[in-house]
Amino acid sequence: SGEWLALETTAGNIVSRKENRRYYSGHAFSNPKELKEYLSLANQRNVANAKCNSAIDDYNRMVDQYNSASAWTRLSLEKELAQRKAIVNQRQADLDELEGRLTTLLSNGN
């Protein structure tokens, strides 16, 4: 693709690749709209990750409760255990979808 010019925005200076290669690594965005989309998706991913982790924790607590329960109590817990597993699966699917969208956005821009 095209050439890039790095700007040190705090001082307003142009930074050549020879001066500091770090300015030419990482992700780049062609326009502010792409950066805004990235920031929004990254935030959504972080929220989805927290929800997924919370669902996994809830499921694991239920598994512990199920494993320590009597056979009779286990029968009454099976439905709730399955529901919590379904929630984990949905939260993971939501997270995977956002990860895919972020990967696509970053691979298209770089």
PDB file of N, CA and C in Angstrom:
ATOM      1  N   SER A   1       0.840  -1.184   0.000  1.00  0.00           N
ATOM      2  CA  SER A   1       0.000   0.000   0.000  1.00  0.00           C
ATOM      3  C   SER A   1       0.877   1.237   0.000  1.00  0.00           C
ATOM      4  N   GLY A   2       0.310   2.369   0.401  1.00  0.00           N
ATOM      5  CA  GLY A   2       1.028   3.637   0.328  1.00  0.00           C
ATOM      6  C   GLY A   2       2.020   3.834   1.448  1.00  0.00           C
ATOM      7  N   GLU A   3       2.708   4.937   1.395  1.00  0.00           N
ATOM      8  CA  GLU A   3       3.683   5.299   2.411  1.00  0.00           C
ATOM      9  C   GLU A   3       2.966   6.017   3.556  1.00  0.00           C
ATOM     10  N   TRP A   4       3.536   5.893   4.740  1.00  0.00           N
ATOM     11  CA  TRP A   4       2.966   6.525   5.917  1.00  0.00           C
ATOM     12  C   TRP A   4       3.946   7.550   6.470  1.00  0.00           C
ATOM     13  N   LEU A   5       3.390   8.570   7.050  1.00  0.00           N
ATOM     14  CA  LEU A   5       4.186   9.600   7.692  1.00  0.00           C
ATOM     15  C   LEU A   5       3.722   9.690   9.138  1.00  0.00           C
ATOM     16  N   ALA A   6       4.637   9.481  10.074  1.00  0.00           N
ATOM     17  CA  ALA A   6       4.279   9.526  11.491  1.00  0.00           C
ATOM     18  C   ALA A   6       4.418  10.945  12.022  1.00  0.00           C
ATOM     19  N   LEU A   7       3.442  11.329  12.828  1.00  0.00           N
ATOM     20  CA  LEU A   7       3.469  12.635  13.465  1.00  0.00           C
ATOM     21  C   LEU A   7       3.512  12.453  14.971  1.00  0.00           C
ATOM     22  N   GLU A   8       4.387  13.188  15.618  1.00  0.00           N
ATOM     23  CA  GLU A   8       4.449  13.224  17.075  1.00  0.00           C
ATOM     24  C   GLU A   8       3.508  14.347  17.469  1.00  0.00           C
ATOM     25  N   THR A   9       2.305  14.002  17.873  1.00  0.00           N
ATOM     26  CA  THR A   9       1.250  15.009  18.023  1.00  0.00           C
ATOM     27  C   THR A   9       1.453  15.952  19.197  1.00  0.00           C
ATOM     28  N   THR A  10       2.131  15.523  20.235  1.00  0.00           N
ATOM     29  CA  THR A  10       2.303  16.426  21.378  1.00  0.00           C
ATOM     30  C   THR A  10       3.223  17.590  21.040  1.00  0.00           C
ATOM     31  N   ALA A  11       4.230  17.340  20.191  1.00  0.00           N
ATOM     32  CA  ALA A  11       5.157  18.410  19.804  1.00  0.00           C
ATOM     33  C   ALA A  11       4.865  18.933  18.399  1.00  0.00           C
ATOM     34  N   GLY A  12       4.059  18.191  17.640  1.00  0.00           N
ATOM     35  CA  GLY A  12       3.740  18.606  16.278  1.00  0.00           C
ATOM     36  C   GLY A  12       4.862  18.357  15.291  1.00  0.00           C
ATOM     37  N   ASN A  13       5.720  17.398  15.592  1.00  0.00           N
ATOM     38  CA  ASN A  13       6.860  17.108  14.717  1.00  0.00           C
ATOM     39  C   ASN A  13       6.606  15.892  13.838  1.00  0.00           C
ATOM     40  N   ILE A  14       7.222  15.905  12.673  1.00  0.00           N
ATOM     41  CA  ILE A  14       7.251  14.721  11.818  1.00  0.00           C
ATOM     42  C   ILE A  14       8.381  13.834  12.314  1.00  0.00           C
ATOM     43  N   VAL A  15       8.118  12.532  12.414  1.00  0.00           N
ATOM     44  CA  VAL A  15       9.124  11.580  12.882  1.00  0.00           C
ATOM     45  C   VAL A  15       9.436  10.616  11.747  1.00  0.00           C
ATOM     46  N   SER A  16      10.688  10.630  11.307  1.00  0.00           N
ATOM     47  CA  SER A  16      11.075   9.725  10.228  1.00  0.00           C
ATOM     48  C   SER A  16      11.295   8.319  10.788  1.00  0.00           C
ATOM     49  N   ARG A  17      11.198   7.349   9.909  1.00  0.00           N
ATOM     50  CA  ARG A  17      11.419   5.957  10.294  1.00  0.00           C
ATOM     51  C   ARG A  17      12.821   5.777  10.878  1.00  0.00           C
ATOM     52  N   LYS A  18      13.801   6.497  10.326  1.00  0.00           N
ATOM     53  CA  LYS A  18      15.178   6.399  10.818  1.00  0.00           C
ATOM     54  C   LYS A  18      15.302   6.919  12.250  1.00  0.00           C
ATOM     55  N   GLU A  19      14.526   7.964  12.567  1.00  0.00           N
ATOM     56  CA  GLU A  19      14.588   8.553  13.904  1.00  0.00           C
ATOM     57  C   GLU A  19      14.019   7.619  14.970  1.00  0.00           C
ATOM     58  N   ASN A  20      12.886   7.010  14.666  1.00  0.00           N
ATOM     59  CA  ASN A  20      12.228   6.155  15.659  1.00  0.00           C
ATOM     60  C   ASN A  20      11.263   5.205  14.951  1.00  0.00           C
ATOM     61  N   ARG A  21      11.678   3.962  14.779  1.00  0.00           N
ATOM     62  CA  ARG A  21      10.876   2.961  14.069  1.00  0.00           C
ATOM     63  C   ARG A  21       9.577   2.631  14.812  1.00  0.00           C
ATOM     64  N   ARG A  22       9.548   2.862  16.128  1.00  0.00           N
ATOM     65  CA  ARG A  22       8.341   2.532  16.901  1.00  0.00           C
ATOM     66  C   ARG A  22       7.121   3.316  16.436  1.00  0.00           C
ATOM     67  N   TYR A  23       7.340   4.470  15.866  1.00  0.00           N
ATOM     68  CA  TYR A  23       6.209   5.251  15.356  1.00  0.00           C
ATOM     69  C   TYR A  23       5.569   4.590  14.131  1.00  0.00           C
ATOM     70  N   TYR A  24       6.235   3.628  13.562  1.00  0.00           N
ATOM     71  CA  TYR A  24       5.763   2.972  12.344  1.00  0.00           C
ATOM     72  C   TYR A  24       5.342   1.520  12.602  1.00  0.00           C
ATOM     73  N   SER A  25       5.113   1.184  13.843  1.00  0.00           N
ATOM     74  CA  SER A  25       4.635  -0.160  14.170  1.00  0.00           C
ATOM     75  C   SER A  25       3.260  -0.045  14.817  1.00  0.00           C
ATOM     76  N   GLY A  26       2.595  -1.173  14.934  1.00  0.00           N
ATOM     77  CA  GLY A  26       1.269  -1.170  15.540  1.00  0.00           C
ATOM     78  C   GLY A  26       0.193  -1.013  14.486  1.00  0.00           C
ATOM     79  N   HIS A  27      -0.958  -0.576  14.910  1.00  0.00           N
ATOM     80  CA  HIS A  27      -2.101  -0.432  14.013  1.00  0.00           C
ATOM     81  C   HIS A  27      -2.192   0.992  13.493  1.00  0.00           C
ATOM     82  N   ALA A  28      -2.647   1.101  12.269  1.00  0.00           N
ATOM     83  CA  ALA A  28      -2.841   2.418  11.663  1.00  0.00           C
ATOM     84  C   ALA A  28      -4.258   2.493  11.106  1.00  0.00           C
ATOM     85  N   PHE A  29      -4.820   3.662  11.114  1.00  0.00           N
ATOM     86  CA  PHE A  29      -6.167   3.877  10.605  1.00  0.00           C
ATOM     87  C   PHE A  29      -6.112   4.950   9.544  1.00  0.00           C
ATOM     88  N   SER A  30      -6.840   4.725   8.461  1.00  0.00           N
ATOM     89  CA  SER A  30      -6.825   5.653   7.328  1.00  0.00           C
ATOM     90  C   SER A  30      -7.585   6.931   7.609  1.00  0.00           C
ATOM     91  N   ASN A  31      -8.528   6.864   8.535  1.00  0.00           N
ATOM     92  CA  ASN A  31      -9.343   8.041   8.803  1.00  0.00           C
ATOM     93  C   ASN A  31      -9.910   7.947  10.222  1.00  0.00           C
ATOM     94  N   PRO A  32     -10.400   9.055  10.736  1.00  0.00           N
ATOM     95  CA  PRO A  32     -10.949   9.044  12.101  1.00  0.00           C
ATOM     96  C   PRO A  32     -12.134   8.095  12.273  1.00  0.00           C
ATOM     97  N   LYS A  33     -12.909   7.881  11.215  1.00  0.00           N
ATOM     98  CA  LYS A  33     -14.055   6.969  11.308  1.00  0.00           C
ATOM     99  C   LYS A  33     -13.588   5.553  11.643  1.00  0.00           C
ATOM    100  N   GLU A  34     -12.494   5.086  11.025  1.00  0.00           N
ATOM    101  CA  GLU A  34     -11.968   3.754  11.316  1.00  0.00           C
ATOM    102  C   GLU A  34     -11.490   3.665  12.760  1.00  0.00           C
ATOM    103  N   LEU A  35     -10.819   4.695  13.241  1.00  0.00           N
ATOM    104  CA  LEU A  35     -10.365   4.710  14.631  1.00  0.00           C
ATOM    105  C   LEU A  35     -11.564   4.675  15.571  1.00  0.00           C
ATOM    106  N   LYS A  36     -12.580   5.457  15.286  1.00  0.00           N
ATOM    107  CA  LYS A  36     -13.780   5.489  16.124  1.00  0.00           C
ATOM    108  C   LYS A  36     -14.450   4.114  16.140  1.00  0.00           C
ATOM    109  N   GLU A  37     -14.530   3.465  14.980  1.00  0.00           N
ATOM    110  CA  GLU A  37     -15.121   2.128  14.906  1.00  0.00           C
ATOM    111  C   GLU A  37     -14.295   1.137  15.733  1.00  0.00           C
ATOM    112  N   TYR A  38     -12.967   1.232  15.609  1.00  0.00           N
ATOM    113  CA  TYR A  38     -12.090   0.351  16.382  1.00  0.00           C
ATOM    114  C   TYR A  38     -12.309   0.549  17.884  1.00  0.00           C
ATOM    115  N   LEU A  39     -12.323   1.795  18.332  1.00  0.00           N
ATOM    116  CA  LEU A  39     -12.494   2.073  19.758  1.00  0.00           C
ATOM    117  C   LEU A  39     -13.841   1.561  20.265  1.00  0.00           C
ATOM    118  N   SER A  40     -14.880   1.724  19.453  1.00  0.00           N
ATOM    119  CA  SER A  40     -16.205   1.233  19.826  1.00  0.00           C
ATOM    120  C   SER A  40     -16.213  -0.297  19.923  1.00  0.00           C
ATOM    121  N   LEU A  41     -15.647  -0.951  18.916  1.00  0.00           N
ATOM    122  CA  LEU A  41     -15.600  -2.419  18.937  1.00  0.00           C
ATOM    123  C   LEU A  41     -14.742  -2.939  20.090  1.00  0.00           C
ATOM    124  N   ALA A  42     -13.623  -2.272  20.349  1.00  0.00           N
ATOM    125  CA  ALA A  42     -12.754  -2.697  21.452  1.00  0.00           C
ATOM    126  C   ALA A  42     -13.492  -2.564  22.782  1.00  0.00           C
ATOM    127  N   ASN A  43     -14.252  -1.497  22.957  1.00  0.00           N
ATOM    128  CA  ASN A  43     -15.037  -1.315  24.174  1.00  0.00           C
ATOM    129  C   ASN A  43     -16.114  -2.394  24.280  1.00  0.00           C
ATOM    130  N   GLN A  44     -16.813  -2.652  23.177  1.00  0.00           N
ATOM    131  CA  GLN A  44     -17.840  -3.696  23.177  1.00  0.00           C
ATOM    132  C   GLN A  44     -17.231  -5.059  23.499  1.00  0.00           C
ATOM    133  N   ARG A  45     -16.038  -5.315  22.953  1.00  0.00           N
ATOM    134  CA  ARG A  45     -15.353  -6.578  23.225  1.00  0.00           C
ATOM    135  C   ARG A  45     -15.001  -6.694  24.698  1.00  0.00           C
ATOM    136  N   ASN A  46     -14.527  -5.615  25.296  1.00  0.00           N
ATOM    137  CA  ASN A  46     -14.174  -5.641  26.715  1.00  0.00           C
ATOM    138  C   ASN A  46     -15.395  -5.926  27.588  1.00  0.00           C
ATOM    139  N   VAL A  47     -16.515  -5.310  27.245  1.00  0.00           N
ATOM    140  CA  VAL A  47     -17.765  -5.561  27.980  1.00  0.00           C
ATOM    141  C   VAL A  47     -18.204  -7.013  27.777  1.00  0.00           C
ATOM    142  N   ALA A  48     -18.140  -7.497  26.534  1.00  0.00           N
ATOM    143  CA  ALA A  48     -18.527  -8.884  26.241  1.00  0.00           C
ATOM    144  C   ALA A  48     -17.616  -9.866  26.964  1.00  0.00           C
ATOM    145  N   ASN A  49     -16.337  -9.545  27.056  1.00  0.00           N
ATOM    146  CA  ASN A  49     -15.396 -10.415  27.766  1.00  0.00           C
ATOM    147  C   ASN A  49     -15.746 -10.492  29.249  1.00  0.00           C
ATOM    148  N   ALA A  50     -16.080  -9.352  29.842  1.00  0.00           N
ATOM    149  CA  ALA A  50     -16.465  -9.333  31.255  1.00  0.00           C
ATOM    150  C   ALA A  50     -17.744 -10.141  31.476  1.00  0.00           C
ATOM    151  N   LYS A  51     -18.715 -10.000  30.576  1.00  0.00           N
ATOM    152  CA  LYS A  51     -19.961 -10.765  30.686  1.00  0.00           C
ATOM    153  C   LYS A  51     -19.703 -12.265  30.537  1.00  0.00           C
ATOM    154  N   CYS A  52     -18.824 -12.611  29.615  1.00  0.00           N
ATOM    155  CA  CYS A  52     -18.484 -14.016  29.403  1.00  0.00           C
ATOM    156  C   CYS A  52     -17.812 -14.590  30.646  1.00  0.00           C
ATOM    157  N   ASN A  53     -16.858 -13.869  31.195  1.00  0.00           N
ATOM    158  CA  ASN A  53     -16.179 -14.335  32.405  1.00  0.00           C
ATOM    159  C   ASN A  53     -17.142 -14.479  33.574  1.00  0.00           C
ATOM    160  N   SER A  54     -18.068 -13.551  33.696  1.00  0.00           N
ATOM    161  CA  SER A  54     -19.070 -13.618  34.762  1.00  0.00           C
ATOM    162  C   SER A  54     -19.967 -14.845  34.572  1.00  0.00           C
ATOM    163  N   ALA A  55     -20.376 -15.105  33.339  1.00  0.00           N
ATOM    164  CA  ALA A  55     -21.221 -16.277  33.060  1.00  0.00           C
ATOM    165  C   ALA A  55     -20.468 -17.567  33.362  1.00  0.00           C
ATOM    166  N   ILE A  56     -19.187 -17.591  33.037  1.00  0.00           N
ATOM    167  CA  ILE A  56     -18.368 -18.776  33.330  1.00  0.00           C
ATOM    168  C   ILE A  56     -18.264 -18.974  34.843  1.00  0.00           C
ATOM    169  N   ASP A  57     -18.050 -17.895  35.570  1.00  0.00           N
ATOM    170  CA  ASP A  57     -17.991 -17.983  37.033  1.00  0.00           C
ATOM    171  C   ASP A  57     -19.301 -18.503  37.612  1.00  0.00           C
ATOM    172  N   ASP A  58     -20.433 -17.975  37.117  1.00  0.00           N
ATOM    173  CA  ASP A  58     -21.746 -18.446  37.573  1.00  0.00           C
ATOM    174  C   ASP A  58     -21.922 -19.935  37.283  1.00  0.00           C
ATOM    175  N   TYR A  59     -21.555 -20.333  36.090  1.00  0.00           N
ATOM    176  CA  TYR A  59     -21.668 -21.741  35.706  1.00  0.00           C
ATOM    177  C   TYR A  59     -20.794 -22.617  36.599  1.00  0.00           C
ATOM    178  N   ASN A  60     -19.557 -22.193  36.839  1.00  0.00           N
ATOM    179  CA  ASN A  60     -18.649 -22.982  37.678  1.00  0.00           C
ATOM    180  C   ASN A  60     -19.154 -23.103  39.112  1.00  0.00           C
ATOM    181  N   ARG A  61     -19.750 -22.027  39.628  1.00  0.00           N
ATOM    182  CA  ARG A  61     -20.341 -22.105  40.975  1.00  0.00           C
ATOM    183  C   ARG A  61     -21.490 -23.111  40.991  1.00  0.00           C
ATOM    184  N   MET A  62     -22.280 -23.099  39.924  1.00  0.00           N
ATOM    185  CA  MET A  62     -23.394 -24.040  39.838  1.00  0.00           C
ATOM    186  C   MET A  62     -22.876 -25.476  39.719  1.00  0.00           C
ATOM    187  N   VAL A  63     -21.798 -25.680  38.971  1.00  0.00           N
ATOM    188  CA  VAL A  63     -21.193 -27.010  38.853  1.00  0.00           C
ATOM    189  C   VAL A  63     -20.724 -27.489  40.226  1.00  0.00           C
ATOM    190  N   ASP A  64     -20.079 -26.609  40.978  1.00  0.00           N
ATOM    191  CA  ASP A  64     -19.637 -26.970  42.327  1.00  0.00           C
ATOM    192  C   ASP A  64     -20.828 -27.354  43.209  1.00  0.00           C
ATOM    193  N   GLN A  65     -21.886 -26.551  43.121  1.00  0.00           N
ATOM    194  CA  GLN A  65     -23.093 -26.841  43.895  1.00  0.00           C
ATOM    195  C   GLN A  65     -23.683 -28.185  43.464  1.00  0.00           C
ATOM    196  N   TYR A  66     -23.738 -28.410  42.172  1.00  0.00           N
ATOM    197  CA  TYR A  66     -24.278 -29.665  41.626  1.00  0.00           C
ATOM    198  C   TYR A  66     -23.447 -30.855  42.091  1.00  0.00           C
ATOM    199  N   ASN A  67     -22.133 -30.729  41.995  1.00  0.00           N
ATOM    200  CA  ASN A  67     -21.245 -31.835  42.359  1.00  0.00           C
ATOM    201  C   ASN A  67     -21.311 -32.187  43.845  1.00  0.00           C
ATOM    202  N   SER A  68     -21.602 -31.212  44.685  1.00  0.00           N
ATOM    203  CA  SER A  68     -21.653 -31.479  46.120  1.00  0.00           C
ATOM    204  C   SER A  68     -23.066 -31.823  46.610  1.00  0.00           C
ATOM    205  N   ALA A  69     -24.024 -31.831  45.692  1.00  0.00           N
ATOM    206  CA  ALA A  69     -25.423 -32.077  46.069  1.00  0.00           C
ATOM    207  C   ALA A  69     -25.730 -33.572  46.089  1.00  0.00           C
ATOM    208  N   SER A  70     -26.808 -33.888  46.764  1.00  0.00           N
ATOM    209  CA  SER A  70     -27.297 -35.266  46.767  1.00  0.00           C
ATOM    210  C   SER A  70     -27.905 -35.583  45.405  1.00  0.00           C
ATOM    211  N   ALA A  71     -28.114 -36.843  45.150  1.00  0.00           N
ATOM    212  CA  ALA A  71     -28.690 -37.271  43.862  1.00  0.00           C
ATOM    213  C   ALA A  71     -30.048 -36.620  43.635  1.00  0.00           C
ATOM    214  N   TRP A  72     -30.862 -36.546  44.675  1.00  0.00           N
ATOM    215  CA  TRP A  72     -32.195 -35.949  44.544  1.00  0.00           C
ATOM    216  C   TRP A  72     -32.096 -34.458  44.199  1.00  0.00           C
ATOM    217  N   THR A  73     -31.201 -33.745  44.854  1.00  0.00           N
ATOM    218  CA  THR A  73     -31.015 -32.313  44.601  1.00  0.00           C
ATOM    219  C   THR A  73     -30.440 -32.092  43.202  1.00  0.00           C
ATOM    220  N   ARG A  74     -29.581 -32.967  42.768  1.00  0.00           N
ATOM    221  CA  ARG A  74     -29.004 -32.848  41.420  1.00  0.00           C
ATOM    222  C   ARG A  74     -30.085 -32.832  40.353  1.00  0.00           C
ATOM    223  N   LEU A  75     -31.114 -33.627  40.552  1.00  0.00           N
ATOM    224  CA  LEU A  75     -32.212 -33.653  39.567  1.00  0.00           C
ATOM    225  C   LEU A  75     -32.841 -32.271  39.410  1.00  0.00           C
ATOM    226  N   SER A  76     -33.007 -31.583  40.518  1.00  0.00           N
ATOM    227  CA  SER A  76     -33.629 -30.257  40.445  1.00  0.00           C
ATOM    228  C   SER A  76     -32.659 -29.197  39.915  1.00  0.00           C
ATOM    229  N   LEU A  77     -31.355 -29.460  39.972  1.00  0.00           N
ATOM    230  CA  LEU A  77     -30.363 -28.488  39.504  1.00  0.00           C
ATOM    231  C   LEU A  77     -30.004 -28.647  38.028  1.00  0.00           C
ATOM    232  N   GLU A  78     -30.341 -29.782  37.437  1.00  0.00           N
ATOM    233  CA  GLU A  78     -29.911 -30.061  36.057  1.00  0.00           C
ATOM    234  C   GLU A  78     -30.404 -29.022  35.058  1.00  0.00           C
ATOM    235  N   LYS A  79     -31.662 -28.612  35.188  1.00  0.00           N
ATOM    236  CA  LYS A  79     -32.212 -27.625  34.251  1.00  0.00           C
ATOM    237  C   LYS A  79     -31.475 -26.293  34.369  1.00  0.00           C
ATOM    238  N   GLU A  80     -31.252 -25.848  35.598  1.00  0.00           N
ATOM    239  CA  GLU A  80     -30.552 -24.575  35.795  1.00  0.00           C
ATOM    240  C   GLU A  80     -29.101 -24.671  35.317  1.00  0.00           C
ATOM    241  N   LEU A  81     -28.475 -25.809  35.534  1.00  0.00           N
ATOM    242  CA  LEU A  81     -27.110 -26.020  35.068  1.00  0.00           C
ATOM    243  C   LEU A  81     -27.055 -25.914  33.537  1.00  0.00           C
ATOM    244  N   ALA A  82     -28.016 -26.523  32.863  1.00  0.00           N
ATOM    245  CA  ALA A  82     -28.075 -26.451  31.401  1.00  0.00           C
ATOM    246  C   ALA A  82     -28.320 -25.019  30.926  1.00  0.00           C
ATOM    247  N   GLN A  83     -29.153 -24.285  31.645  1.00  0.00           N
ATOM    248  CA  GLN A  83     -29.423 -22.887  31.285  1.00  0.00           C
ATOM    249  C   GLN A  83     -28.169 -22.038  31.428  1.00  0.00           C
ATOM    250  N   ARG A  84     -27.439 -22.250  32.494  1.00  0.00           N
ATOM    251  CA  ARG A  84     -26.210 -21.473  32.689  1.00  0.00           C
ATOM    252  C   ARG A  84     -25.158 -21.825  31.646  1.00  0.00           C
ATOM    253  N   LYS A  85     -25.104 -23.081  31.250  1.00  0.00           N
ATOM    254  CA  LYS A  85     -24.178 -23.493  30.189  1.00  0.00           C
ATOM    255  C   LYS A  85     -24.573 -22.815  28.871  1.00  0.00           C
ATOM    256  N   ALA A  86     -25.858 -22.730  28.589  1.00  0.00           N
ATOM    257  CA  ALA A  86     -26.330 -22.059  27.372  1.00  0.00           C
ATOM    258  C   ALA A  86     -25.960 -20.575  27.395  1.00  0.00           C
ATOM    259  N   ILE A  87     -26.044 -19.949  28.557  1.00  0.00           N
ATOM    260  CA  ILE A  87     -25.661 -18.541  28.682  1.00  0.00           C
ATOM    261  C   ILE A  87     -24.170 -18.385  28.397  1.00  0.00           C
ATOM    262  N   VAL A  88     -23.348 -19.276  28.948  1.00  0.00           N
ATOM    263  CA  VAL A  88     -21.909 -19.229  28.677  1.00  0.00           C
ATOM    264  C   VAL A  88     -21.654 -19.351  27.179  1.00  0.00           C
ATOM    265  N   ASN A  89     -22.331 -20.296  26.540  1.00  0.00           N
ATOM    266  CA  ASN A  89     -22.140 -20.489  25.099  1.00  0.00           C
ATOM    267  C   ASN A  89     -22.535 -19.255  24.301  1.00  0.00           C
ATOM    268  N   GLN A  90     -23.627 -18.598  24.685  1.00  0.00           N
ATOM    269  CA  GLN A  90     -24.052 -17.389  23.987  1.00  0.00           C
ATOM    270  C   GLN A  90     -23.083 -16.246  24.221  1.00  0.00           C
ATOM    271  N   ARG A  91     -22.633 -16.073  25.451  1.00  0.00           N
ATOM    272  CA  ARG A  91     -21.671 -15.009  25.758  1.00  0.00           C
ATOM    273  C   ARG A  91     -20.361 -15.234  24.984  1.00  0.00           C
ATOM    274  N   GLN A  92     -19.930 -16.500  24.879  1.00  0.00           N
ATOM    275  CA  GLN A  92     -18.712 -16.805  24.134  1.00  0.00           C
ATOM    276  C   GLN A  92     -18.911 -16.517  22.645  1.00  0.00           C
ATOM    277  N   ALA A  93     -20.088 -16.838  22.122  1.00  0.00           N
ATOM    278  CA  ALA A  93     -20.382 -16.553  20.710  1.00  0.00           C
ATOM    279  C   ALA A  93     -20.378 -15.049  20.458  1.00  0.00           C
ATOM    280  N   ASP A  94     -20.955 -14.270  21.384  1.00  0.00           N
ATOM    281  CA  ASP A  94     -20.943 -12.806  21.258  1.00  0.00           C
ATOM    282  C   ASP A  94     -19.505 -12.279  21.251  1.00  0.00           C
ATOM    283  N   LEU A  95     -18.700 -12.800  22.155  1.00  0.00           N
ATOM    284  CA  LEU A  95     -17.298 -12.385  22.242  1.00  0.00           C
ATOM    285  C   LEU A  95     -16.539 -12.761  20.970  1.00  0.00           C
ATOM    286  N   ASP A  96     -16.753 -13.972  20.482  1.00  0.00           N
ATOM    287  CA  ASP A  96     -16.079 -14.418  19.257  1.00  0.00           C
ATOM    288  C   ASP A  96     -16.462 -13.548  18.063  1.00  0.00           C
ATOM    289  N   GLU A  97     -17.728 -13.156  18.000  1.00  0.00           N
ATOM    290  CA  GLU A  97     -18.194 -12.310  16.892  1.00  0.00           C
ATOM    291  C   GLU A  97     -17.500 -10.951  16.922  1.00  0.00           C
ATOM    292  N   LEU A  98     -17.388 -10.365  18.104  1.00  0.00           N
ATOM    293  CA  LEU A  98     -16.703  -9.071  18.225  1.00  0.00           C
ATOM    294  C   LEU A  98     -15.216  -9.202  17.923  1.00  0.00           C
ATOM    295  N   GLU A  99     -14.602 -10.279  18.386  1.00  0.00           N
ATOM    296  CA  GLU A  99     -13.184 -10.527  18.071  1.00  0.00           C
ATOM    297  C   GLU A  99     -12.989 -10.620  16.560  1.00  0.00           C
ATOM    298  N   GLY A 100     -13.904 -11.312  15.883  1.00  0.00           N
ATOM    299  CA  GLY A 100     -13.821 -11.432  14.427  1.00  0.00           C
ATOM    300  C   GLY A 100     -13.946 -10.092  13.730  1.00  0.00           C
ATOM    301  N   ARG A 101     -14.869  -9.263  14.211  1.00  0.00           N
ATOM    302  CA  ARG A 101     -15.041  -7.942  13.615  1.00  0.00           C
ATOM    303  C   ARG A 101     -13.806  -7.073  13.839  1.00  0.00           C
ATOM    304  N   LEU A 102     -13.206  -7.159  15.010  1.00  0.00           N
ATOM    305  CA  LEU A 102     -11.980  -6.399  15.277  1.00  0.00           C
ATOM    306  C   LEU A 102     -10.836  -6.889  14.398  1.00  0.00           C
ATOM    307  N   THR A 103     -10.701  -8.192  14.293  1.00  0.00           N
ATOM    308  CA  THR A 103      -9.635  -8.759  13.448  1.00  0.00           C
ATOM    309  C   THR A 103      -9.798  -8.308  12.004  1.00  0.00           C
ATOM    310  N   THR A 104     -11.022  -8.346  11.518  1.00  0.00           N
ATOM    311  CA  THR A 104     -11.300  -7.916  10.141  1.00  0.00           C
ATOM    312  C   THR A 104     -10.960  -6.437   9.951  1.00  0.00           C
ATOM    313  N   LEU A 105     -11.390  -5.607  10.888  1.00  0.00           N
ATOM    314  CA  LEU A 105     -11.118  -4.175  10.803  1.00  0.00           C
ATOM    315  C   LEU A 105      -9.618  -3.916  10.785  1.00  0.00           C
ATOM    316  N   LEU A 106      -8.893  -4.588  11.674  1.00  0.00           N
ATOM    317  CA  LEU A 106      -7.437  -4.361  11.752  1.00  0.00           C
ATOM    318  C   LEU A 106      -6.716  -4.932  10.549  1.00  0.00           C
ATOM    319  N   SER A 107      -7.167  -6.046  10.021  1.00  0.00           N
ATOM    320  CA  SER A 107      -6.484  -6.627   8.855  1.00  0.00           C
ATOM    321  C   SER A 107      -6.776  -5.839   7.580  1.00  0.00           C
ATOM    322  N   ASN A 108      -7.941  -5.206   7.501  1.00  0.00           N
ATOM    323  CA  ASN A 108      -8.263  -4.379   6.327  1.00  0.00           C
ATOM    324  C   ASN A 108      -7.476  -3.078   6.328  1.00  0.00           C
ATOM    325  N   GLY A 109      -7.180  -2.575   7.524  1.00  0.00           N
ATOM    326  CA  GLY A 109      -6.477  -1.301   7.624  1.00  0.00           C
ATOM    327  C   GLY A 109      -4.974  -1.426   7.546  1.00  0.00           C
ATOM    328  N   ASN A 110      -4.442  -2.643   7.652  1.00  0.00           N
ATOM    329  CA  ASN A 110      -2.997  -2.811   7.706  1.00  0.00           C
ATOM    330  C   ASN A 110      -2.531  -3.809   6.664  1.00  0.00           C
TER     331      ASN A 110
END
